[in-house]
Amino acid sequence: MRILTLSGFTLVALLTTACGGADKPAETPAAETPVVAAPVAPAAEPATVAAVAPAPAAVTYASLTGDAAKGEKLFAQCKACHVAEAGKNRVGPSLWAVIGRTAGSIAGFNYSKANKESGVTWSEDVLFTYLEAPAKFMPGTRMAFGGLKNPQDRADVIAYLKTKA
């Protein structure tokens, strides 16, 4: 015989070998009243824990290997505003030697106030974050590009820009 507690009630379960139980069936004399569930004081409800999947590990620039050839192809979408040639600006500043440069520092280019006053130095890690969502990274920037959501695409573009210095 086994006693189980379920939702505040104690149940007595008679297991038989036919039901997979190891116990012998209990013999109940004909005159005896069968055992039934008896209410017991409810136990304190356990705290409900929401089933939450673990957050995915953040992808970092250092965890990826950029491919400059793929980055050059992806950079085609940047060419509407930028070039990666020394001394040439378009709607956006030249990205020649951008890695290591202070934001807003090309003489004569009309940067947004946000860019000029950001104090940002364009490292690979900073570019990786910036290229995901430029306006979120630097509110007030004039750069209207929505960003590269795919981390590998960002790493590839950065690998390409590293070849332009």
C-alpha atoms as a PDB file:
ATOM      1  CA  MET A   1       0.000   0.000   0.000  1.00  0.00           C
ATOM      2  CA  ARG A   2       1.297   3.497  -0.856  1.00  0.00           C
ATOM      3  CA  ILE A   3       0.109   6.856   0.387  1.00  0.00           C
ATOM      4  CA  LEU A   4       0.272   9.745  -2.050  1.00  0.00           C
ATOM      5  CA  THR A   5      -0.439  13.413  -1.434  1.00  0.00           C
ATOM      6  CA  LEU A   6      -1.867  15.301  -4.390  1.00  0.00           C
ATOM      7  CA  SER A   7      -3.425  18.770  -4.325  1.00  0.00           C
ATOM      8  CA  GLY A   8      -4.036  18.670  -0.602  1.00  0.00           C
ATOM      9  CA  PHE A   9      -5.628  15.178  -0.512  1.00  0.00           C
ATOM     10  CA  THR A  10      -4.074  11.989   0.721  1.00  0.00           C
ATOM     11  CA  LEU A  11      -4.707   9.063  -1.582  1.00  0.00           C
ATOM     12  CA  VAL A  12      -4.113   5.487  -0.730  1.00  0.00           C
ATOM     13  CA  ALA A  13      -3.075   3.551  -3.770  1.00  0.00           C
ATOM     14  CA  LEU A  14      -3.258  -0.183  -3.921  1.00  0.00           C
ATOM     15  CA  LEU A  15      -0.737  -1.449  -6.395  1.00  0.00           C
ATOM     16  CA  THR A  16      -1.082  -4.793  -7.992  1.00  0.00           C
ATOM     17  CA  THR A  17       1.356  -6.738 -10.048  1.00  0.00           C
ATOM     18  CA  ALA A  18      -1.044  -6.375 -12.968  1.00  0.00           C
ATOM     19  CA  CYS A  19      -0.557  -2.607 -12.798  1.00  0.00           C
ATOM     20  CA  GLY A  20       3.190  -2.894 -12.593  1.00  0.00           C
ATOM     21  CA  GLY A  21       3.332  -2.500  -8.818  1.00  0.00           C
ATOM     22  CA  ALA A  22       5.619  -4.656  -6.748  1.00  0.00           C
ATOM     23  CA  ASP A  23       3.259  -4.873  -3.812  1.00  0.00           C
ATOM     24  CA  LYS A  24       0.763  -7.657  -3.392  1.00  0.00           C
ATOM     25  CA  PRO A  25      -2.833  -6.548  -3.705  1.00  0.00           C
ATOM     26  CA  ALA A  26      -4.340  -5.706  -0.374  1.00  0.00           C
ATOM     27  CA  GLU A  27      -7.111  -8.049   0.639  1.00  0.00           C
ATOM     28  CA  THR A  28     -10.178  -6.282   1.913  1.00  0.00           C
ATOM     29  CA  PRO A  29     -12.645  -8.367   3.865  1.00  0.00           C
ATOM     30  CA  ALA A  30     -16.192  -8.080   2.533  1.00  0.00           C
ATOM     31  CA  ALA A  31     -17.438  -6.411   5.705  1.00  0.00           C
ATOM     32  CA  GLU A  32     -14.623  -3.850   5.764  1.00  0.00           C
ATOM     33  CA  THR A  33     -15.177  -0.392   4.276  1.00  0.00           C
ATOM     34  CA  PRO A  34     -12.741   0.371   1.447  1.00  0.00           C
ATOM     35  CA  VAL A  35     -10.133   3.037   2.051  1.00  0.00           C
ATOM     36  CA  VAL A  36     -10.896   6.307   0.245  1.00  0.00           C
ATOM     37  CA  ALA A  37      -9.182   9.634  -0.126  1.00  0.00           C
ATOM     38  CA  ALA A  38      -9.314  11.744   2.993  1.00  0.00           C
ATOM     39  CA  PRO A  39      -8.904  15.500   2.849  1.00  0.00           C
ATOM     40  CA  VAL A  40      -5.904  16.935   4.624  1.00  0.00           C
ATOM     41  CA  ALA A  41      -4.858  20.497   5.241  1.00  0.00           C
ATOM     42  CA  PRO A  42      -3.536  21.927   2.017  1.00  0.00           C
ATOM     43  CA  ALA A  43       0.179  22.351   1.923  1.00  0.00           C
ATOM     44  CA  ALA A  44       1.576  25.754   1.091  1.00  0.00           C
ATOM     45  CA  GLU A  45       1.567  26.224  -2.661  1.00  0.00           C
ATOM     46  CA  PRO A  46       5.072  26.137  -4.077  1.00  0.00           C
ATOM     47  CA  ALA A  47       6.224  29.309  -5.734  1.00  0.00           C
ATOM     48  CA  THR A  48       5.433  29.267  -9.409  1.00  0.00           C
ATOM     49  CA  VAL A  49       8.571  29.409 -11.475  1.00  0.00           C
ATOM     50  CA  ALA A  50       8.083  30.499 -15.047  1.00  0.00           C
ATOM     51  CA  ALA A  51       9.760  28.256 -17.537  1.00  0.00           C
ATOM     52  CA  VAL A  52      12.215  30.663 -19.072  1.00  0.00           C
ATOM     53  CA  ALA A  53      14.739  29.601 -21.639  1.00  0.00           C
ATOM     54  CA  PRO A  54      18.226  30.809 -20.808  1.00  0.00           C
ATOM     55  CA  ALA A  55      19.165  33.985 -22.625  1.00  0.00           C
ATOM     56  CA  PRO A  56      21.402  33.309 -25.587  1.00  0.00           C
ATOM     57  CA  ALA A  57      24.980  34.216 -24.995  1.00  0.00           C
ATOM     58  CA  ALA A  58      25.792  37.602 -26.467  1.00  0.00           C
ATOM     59  CA  VAL A  59      27.779  37.398 -29.679  1.00  0.00           C
ATOM     60  CA  THR A  60      30.896  39.507 -29.516  1.00  0.00           C
ATOM     61  CA  TYR A  61      33.210  40.674 -32.250  1.00  0.00           C
ATOM     62  CA  ALA A  62      36.014  38.633 -30.687  1.00  0.00           C
ATOM     63  CA  SER A  63      33.939  35.445 -30.997  1.00  0.00           C
ATOM     64  CA  LEU A  64      33.764  35.784 -34.800  1.00  0.00           C
ATOM     65  CA  THR A  65      36.212  35.664 -37.669  1.00  0.00           C
ATOM     66  CA  GLY A  66      35.483  38.273 -40.304  1.00  0.00           C
ATOM     67  CA  ASP A  67      35.828  37.530 -44.014  1.00  0.00           C
ATOM     68  CA  ALA A  68      37.051  40.621 -45.901  1.00  0.00           C
ATOM     69  CA  ALA A  69      35.844  39.318 -49.296  1.00  0.00           C
ATOM     70  CA  LYS A  70      32.310  38.855 -47.958  1.00  0.00           C
ATOM     71  CA  GLY A  71      32.607  42.208 -46.199  1.00  0.00           C
ATOM     72  CA  GLU A  72      33.460  43.932 -49.469  1.00  0.00           C
ATOM     73  CA  LYS A  73      30.243  42.573 -51.002  1.00  0.00           C
ATOM     74  CA  LEU A  74      28.238  43.688 -47.964  1.00  0.00           C
ATOM     75  CA  PHE A  75      29.900  47.119 -48.108  1.00  0.00           C
ATOM     76  CA  ALA A  76      28.128  47.693 -51.442  1.00  0.00           C
ATOM     77  CA  GLN A  77      25.064  48.817 -49.470  1.00  0.00           C
ATOM     78  CA  CYS A  78      27.216  51.407 -47.674  1.00  0.00           C
ATOM     79  CA  LYS A  79      28.515  52.902 -50.929  1.00  0.00           C
ATOM     80  CA  ALA A  80      25.439  55.065 -51.379  1.00  0.00           C
ATOM     81  CA  CYS A  81      26.904  57.285 -48.657  1.00  0.00           C
ATOM     82  CA  HIS A  82      30.479  56.142 -47.954  1.00  0.00           C
ATOM     83  CA  VAL A  83      33.675  55.188 -49.750  1.00  0.00           C
ATOM     84  CA  ALA A  84      36.720  53.494 -48.310  1.00  0.00           C
ATOM     85  CA  GLU A  85      39.199  55.694 -50.158  1.00  0.00           C
ATOM     86  CA  ALA A  86      41.497  58.243 -48.565  1.00  0.00           C
ATOM     87  CA  GLY A  87      40.347  61.856 -48.809  1.00  0.00           C
ATOM     88  CA  LYS A  88      36.969  61.139 -50.469  1.00  0.00           C
ATOM     89  CA  ASN A  89      33.747  61.976 -48.706  1.00  0.00           C
ATOM     90  CA  ARG A  90      30.208  61.540 -49.929  1.00  0.00           C
ATOM     91  CA  VAL A  91      27.034  62.106 -47.948  1.00  0.00           C
ATOM     92  CA  GLY A  92      28.936  60.268 -45.226  1.00  0.00           C
ATOM     93  CA  PRO A  93      32.640  60.587 -44.416  1.00  0.00           C
ATOM     94  CA  SER A  94      35.333  58.414 -45.951  1.00  0.00           C
ATOM     95  CA  LEU A  95      35.807  55.158 -44.097  1.00  0.00           C
ATOM     96  CA  TRP A  96      39.456  54.889 -45.127  1.00  0.00           C
ATOM     97  CA  ALA A  97      41.459  54.146 -41.958  1.00  0.00           C
ATOM     98  CA  VAL A  98      38.325  54.392 -39.836  1.00  0.00           C
ATOM     99  CA  ILE A  99      39.565  51.888 -37.260  1.00  0.00           C
ATOM    100  CA  GLY A 100      41.406  53.847 -34.580  1.00  0.00           C
ATOM    101  CA  ARG A 101      39.942  57.184 -35.717  1.00  0.00           C
ATOM    102  CA  THR A 102      38.020  59.484 -33.391  1.00  0.00           C
ATOM    103  CA  ALA A 103      34.413  60.000 -34.477  1.00  0.00           C
ATOM    104  CA  GLY A 104      33.757  63.345 -36.144  1.00  0.00           C
ATOM    105  CA  SER A 105      37.420  64.068 -36.834  1.00  0.00           C
ATOM    106  CA  ILE A 106      37.764  64.389 -40.638  1.00  0.00           C
ATOM    107  CA  ALA A 107      38.497  68.057 -41.244  1.00  0.00           C
ATOM    108  CA  GLY A 108      35.920  69.795 -43.400  1.00  0.00           C
ATOM    109  CA  PHE A 109      33.227  67.107 -43.143  1.00  0.00           C
ATOM    110  CA  ASN A 110      29.873  68.337 -41.785  1.00  0.00           C
ATOM    111  CA  TYR A 111      29.236  65.831 -38.959  1.00  0.00           C
ATOM    112  CA  SER A 112      26.167  65.795 -36.742  1.00  0.00           C
ATOM    113  CA  LYS A 113      26.623  67.319 -33.311  1.00  0.00           C
ATOM    114  CA  ALA A 114      26.054  63.862 -31.809  1.00  0.00           C
ATOM    115  CA  ASN A 115      28.927  62.423 -33.829  1.00  0.00           C
ATOM    116  CA  LYS A 116      31.340  65.312 -33.233  1.00  0.00           C
ATOM    117  CA  GLU A 117      30.696  65.343 -29.485  1.00  0.00           C
ATOM    118  CA  SER A 118      30.480  61.568 -28.917  1.00  0.00           C
ATOM    119  CA  GLY A 119      34.104  61.056 -27.922  1.00  0.00           C
ATOM    120  CA  VAL A 120      33.935  57.650 -29.637  1.00  0.00           C
ATOM    121  CA  THR A 121      37.046  56.041 -31.058  1.00  0.00           C
ATOM    122  CA  TRP A 122      36.176  53.567 -33.817  1.00  0.00           C
ATOM    123  CA  SER A 123      37.658  50.263 -32.640  1.00  0.00           C
ATOM    124  CA  GLU A 124      36.525  46.932 -34.061  1.00  0.00           C
ATOM    125  CA  ASP A 125      34.372  46.329 -30.975  1.00  0.00           C
ATOM    126  CA  VAL A 126      32.784  49.783 -31.134  1.00  0.00           C
ATOM    127  CA  LEU A 127      32.065  49.434 -34.865  1.00  0.00           C
ATOM    128  CA  PHE A 128      30.574  45.993 -34.234  1.00  0.00           C
ATOM    129  CA  THR A 129      28.079  47.496 -31.791  1.00  0.00           C
ATOM    130  CA  TYR A 130      27.479  50.665 -33.832  1.00  0.00           C
ATOM    131  CA  LEU A 131      26.777  48.833 -37.095  1.00  0.00           C
ATOM    132  CA  GLU A 132      23.999  46.806 -35.477  1.00  0.00           C
ATOM    133  CA  ALA A 133      21.850  49.905 -34.918  1.00  0.00           C
ATOM    134  CA  PRO A 134      23.641  53.228 -35.544  1.00  0.00           C
ATOM    135  CA  ALA A 135      20.817  55.504 -34.341  1.00  0.00           C
ATOM    136  CA  LYS A 136      20.427  53.489 -31.143  1.00  0.00           C
ATOM    137  CA  PHE A 137      24.180  53.556 -30.485  1.00  0.00           C
ATOM    138  CA  MET A 138      24.495  57.284 -31.231  1.00  0.00           C
ATOM    139  CA  PRO A 139      21.170  59.095 -30.916  1.00  0.00           C
ATOM    140  CA  GLY A 140      21.212  62.205 -33.089  1.00  0.00           C
ATOM    141  CA  THR A 141      23.481  60.787 -35.768  1.00  0.00           C
ATOM    142  CA  ARG A 142      22.584  61.715 -39.336  1.00  0.00           C
ATOM    143  CA  MET A 143      23.322  58.197 -40.508  1.00  0.00           C
ATOM    144  CA  ALA A 144      19.959  56.865 -41.654  1.00  0.00           C
ATOM    145  CA  PHE A 145      21.146  53.283 -42.135  1.00  0.00           C
ATOM    146  CA  GLY A 146      19.061  50.798 -40.114  1.00  0.00           C
ATOM    147  CA  GLY A 147      22.027  48.580 -39.320  1.00  0.00           C
ATOM    148  CA  LEU A 148      23.361  45.088 -39.920  1.00  0.00           C
ATOM    149  CA  LYS A 149      21.485  42.769 -37.578  1.00  0.00           C
ATOM    150  CA  ASN A 150      23.548  39.676 -38.433  1.00  0.00           C
ATOM    151  CA  PRO A 151      26.702  39.637 -36.253  1.00  0.00           C
ATOM    152  CA  GLN A 152      28.698  37.772 -38.903  1.00  0.00           C
ATOM    153  CA  ASP A 153      27.846  40.417 -41.511  1.00  0.00           C
ATOM    154  CA  ARG A 154      29.154  43.104 -39.157  1.00  0.00           C
ATOM    155  CA  ALA A 155      32.369  41.158 -38.552  1.00  0.00           C
ATOM    156  CA  ASP A 156      32.801  40.730 -42.321  1.00  0.00           C
ATOM    157  CA  VAL A 157      32.354  44.467 -43.028  1.00  0.00           C
ATOM    158  CA  ILE A 158      34.843  45.300 -40.272  1.00  0.00           C
ATOM    159  CA  ALA A 159      37.343  42.797 -41.753  1.00  0.00           C
ATOM    160  CA  TYR A 160      36.955  44.588 -45.092  1.00  0.00           C
ATOM    161  CA  LEU A 161      37.411  48.046 -43.543  1.00  0.00           C
ATOM    162  CA  LYS A 162      40.577  46.819 -41.803  1.00  0.00           C
ATOM    163  CA  THR A 163      42.062  46.274 -45.276  1.00  0.00           C
ATOM    164  CA  LYS A 164      41.404  49.944 -46.113  1.00  0.00           C
ATOM    165  CA  ALA A 165      44.111  51.794 -44.233  1.00  0.00           C
END
